[in-house]
Amino acid sequence: MAKKNSNTGGCGWFMDDWFYALIAILIGFALLGVNLGWLEPSWIDYWPVLLIVIGGKELLERN
C-alpha cells in the first residue's frame, strides 16, 4: 500500500498512481501507433524526454 502524503491532504498517493498509470497508457498508445503505422517510428526517438519528466516530478515531490 502506498503511503499517504500529508502535504497534499492525504491524496498524494492517489495522484502518484494516476501519474504512472497515465504514463503507461501513453507509452502503450505510442507503441501501438507505431506498430499500426499511425505514428512515424522516428517519434519514438524522444523517449528520453519521458524519463526527464518523471525525474523532474520525483525531484519536485521531495521538497
C-alpha atoms as a PDB file:
ATOM      1  CA  MET A   1       0.000   0.000   0.000  1.00  0.00           C
ATOM      2  CA  ALA A   2       1.357   3.426  -0.896  1.00  0.00           C
ATOM      3  CA  LYS A   3       1.996   5.847   1.908  1.00  0.00           C
ATOM      4  CA  LYS A   4      -0.123   8.953   2.205  1.00  0.00           C
ATOM      5  CA  ASN A   5       1.475  12.352   1.769  1.00  0.00           C
ATOM      6  CA  SER A   6       0.306  14.749   4.486  1.00  0.00           C
ATOM      7  CA  ASN A   7       1.255  17.829   2.417  1.00  0.00           C
ATOM      8  CA  THR A   8      -1.482  17.115  -0.128  1.00  0.00           C
ATOM      9  CA  GLY A   9      -4.264  16.342   2.289  1.00  0.00           C
ATOM     10  CA  GLY A  10      -3.722  12.600   2.165  1.00  0.00           C
ATOM     11  CA  CYS A  11      -4.266  12.188  -1.574  1.00  0.00           C
ATOM     12  CA  GLY A  12      -0.620  12.268  -2.692  1.00  0.00           C
ATOM     13  CA  TRP A  13      -0.577   8.502  -3.197  1.00  0.00           C
ATOM     14  CA  PHE A  14      -3.654   8.800  -5.435  1.00  0.00           C
ATOM     15  CA  MET A  15      -2.002  11.365  -7.689  1.00  0.00           C
ATOM     16  CA  ASP A  16       1.135   9.226  -7.978  1.00  0.00           C
ATOM     17  CA  ASP A  17      -0.916   6.217  -9.047  1.00  0.00           C
ATOM     18  CA  TRP A  18      -2.702   8.280 -11.700  1.00  0.00           C
ATOM     19  CA  PHE A  19       0.546   9.786 -12.986  1.00  0.00           C
ATOM     20  CA  TYR A  20       2.253   6.451 -13.544  1.00  0.00           C
ATOM     21  CA  ALA A  21      -0.907   4.861 -14.950  1.00  0.00           C
ATOM     22  CA  LEU A  22      -1.221   7.718 -17.433  1.00  0.00           C
ATOM     23  CA  ILE A  23       2.434   7.373 -18.444  1.00  0.00           C
ATOM     24  CA  ALA A  24       1.973   3.625 -19.009  1.00  0.00           C
ATOM     25  CA  ILE A  25      -1.151   4.234 -21.122  1.00  0.00           C
ATOM     26  CA  LEU A  26       0.615   6.880 -23.216  1.00  0.00           C
ATOM     27  CA  ILE A  27       3.567   4.572 -23.835  1.00  0.00           C
ATOM     28  CA  GLY A  28       1.170   1.816 -24.874  1.00  0.00           C
ATOM     29  CA  PHE A  29      -0.670   4.088 -27.310  1.00  0.00           C
ATOM     30  CA  ALA A  30       2.606   5.344 -28.766  1.00  0.00           C
ATOM     31  CA  LEU A  31       3.910   1.823 -29.370  1.00  0.00           C
ATOM     32  CA  LEU A  32       0.568   0.714 -30.795  1.00  0.00           C
ATOM     33  CA  GLY A  33       0.514   3.742 -33.084  1.00  0.00           C
ATOM     34  CA  VAL A  34       3.983   2.964 -34.405  1.00  0.00           C
ATOM     35  CA  ASN A  35       3.124  -0.711 -34.952  1.00  0.00           C
ATOM     36  CA  LEU A  36      -0.101   0.112 -36.804  1.00  0.00           C
ATOM     37  CA  GLY A  37       1.514   2.845 -38.888  1.00  0.00           C
ATOM     38  CA  TRP A  38      -0.358   5.746 -37.296  1.00  0.00           C
ATOM     39  CA  LEU A  39       2.846   7.343 -35.978  1.00  0.00           C
ATOM     40  CA  GLU A  40       6.235   7.646 -37.577  1.00  0.00           C
ATOM     41  CA  PRO A  41       8.879   5.403 -35.971  1.00  0.00           C
ATOM     42  CA  SER A  42      11.133   8.442 -35.535  1.00  0.00           C
ATOM     43  CA  TRP A  43       8.624   9.724 -32.949  1.00  0.00           C
ATOM     44  CA  ILE A  44       9.886   7.081 -30.512  1.00  0.00           C
ATOM     45  CA  ASP A  45      13.330   8.743 -30.568  1.00  0.00           C
ATOM     46  CA  TYR A  46      12.023  11.225 -27.995  1.00  0.00           C
ATOM     47  CA  TRP A  47      11.560   8.650 -25.210  1.00  0.00           C
ATOM     48  CA  PRO A  48      14.317  10.228 -23.045  1.00  0.00           C
ATOM     49  CA  VAL A  49      12.028  13.239 -22.584  1.00  0.00           C
ATOM     50  CA  LEU A  50       9.678  10.927 -20.698  1.00  0.00           C
ATOM     51  CA  LEU A  51      12.469   9.989 -18.293  1.00  0.00           C
ATOM     52  CA  ILE A  52      13.263  13.673 -17.737  1.00  0.00           C
ATOM     53  CA  VAL A  53       9.614  14.427 -16.939  1.00  0.00           C
ATOM     54  CA  ILE A  54       9.362  11.537 -14.478  1.00  0.00           C
ATOM     55  CA  GLY A  55      12.660  12.502 -12.827  1.00  0.00           C
ATOM     56  CA  GLY A  56      11.571  16.139 -12.551  1.00  0.00           C
ATOM     57  CA  LYS A  57       8.287  15.098 -10.964  1.00  0.00           C
ATOM     58  CA  GLU A  58      10.110  12.957  -8.407  1.00  0.00           C
ATOM     59  CA  LEU A  59      12.518  15.777  -7.555  1.00  0.00           C
ATOM     60  CA  LEU A  60       9.696  18.276  -7.098  1.00  0.00           C
ATOM     61  CA  GLU A  61       7.810  15.900  -4.818  1.00  0.00           C
ATOM     62  CA  ARG A  62      10.766  15.564  -2.438  1.00  0.00           C
ATOM     63  CA  ASN A  63      10.603  19.239  -1.443  1.00  0.00           C
END
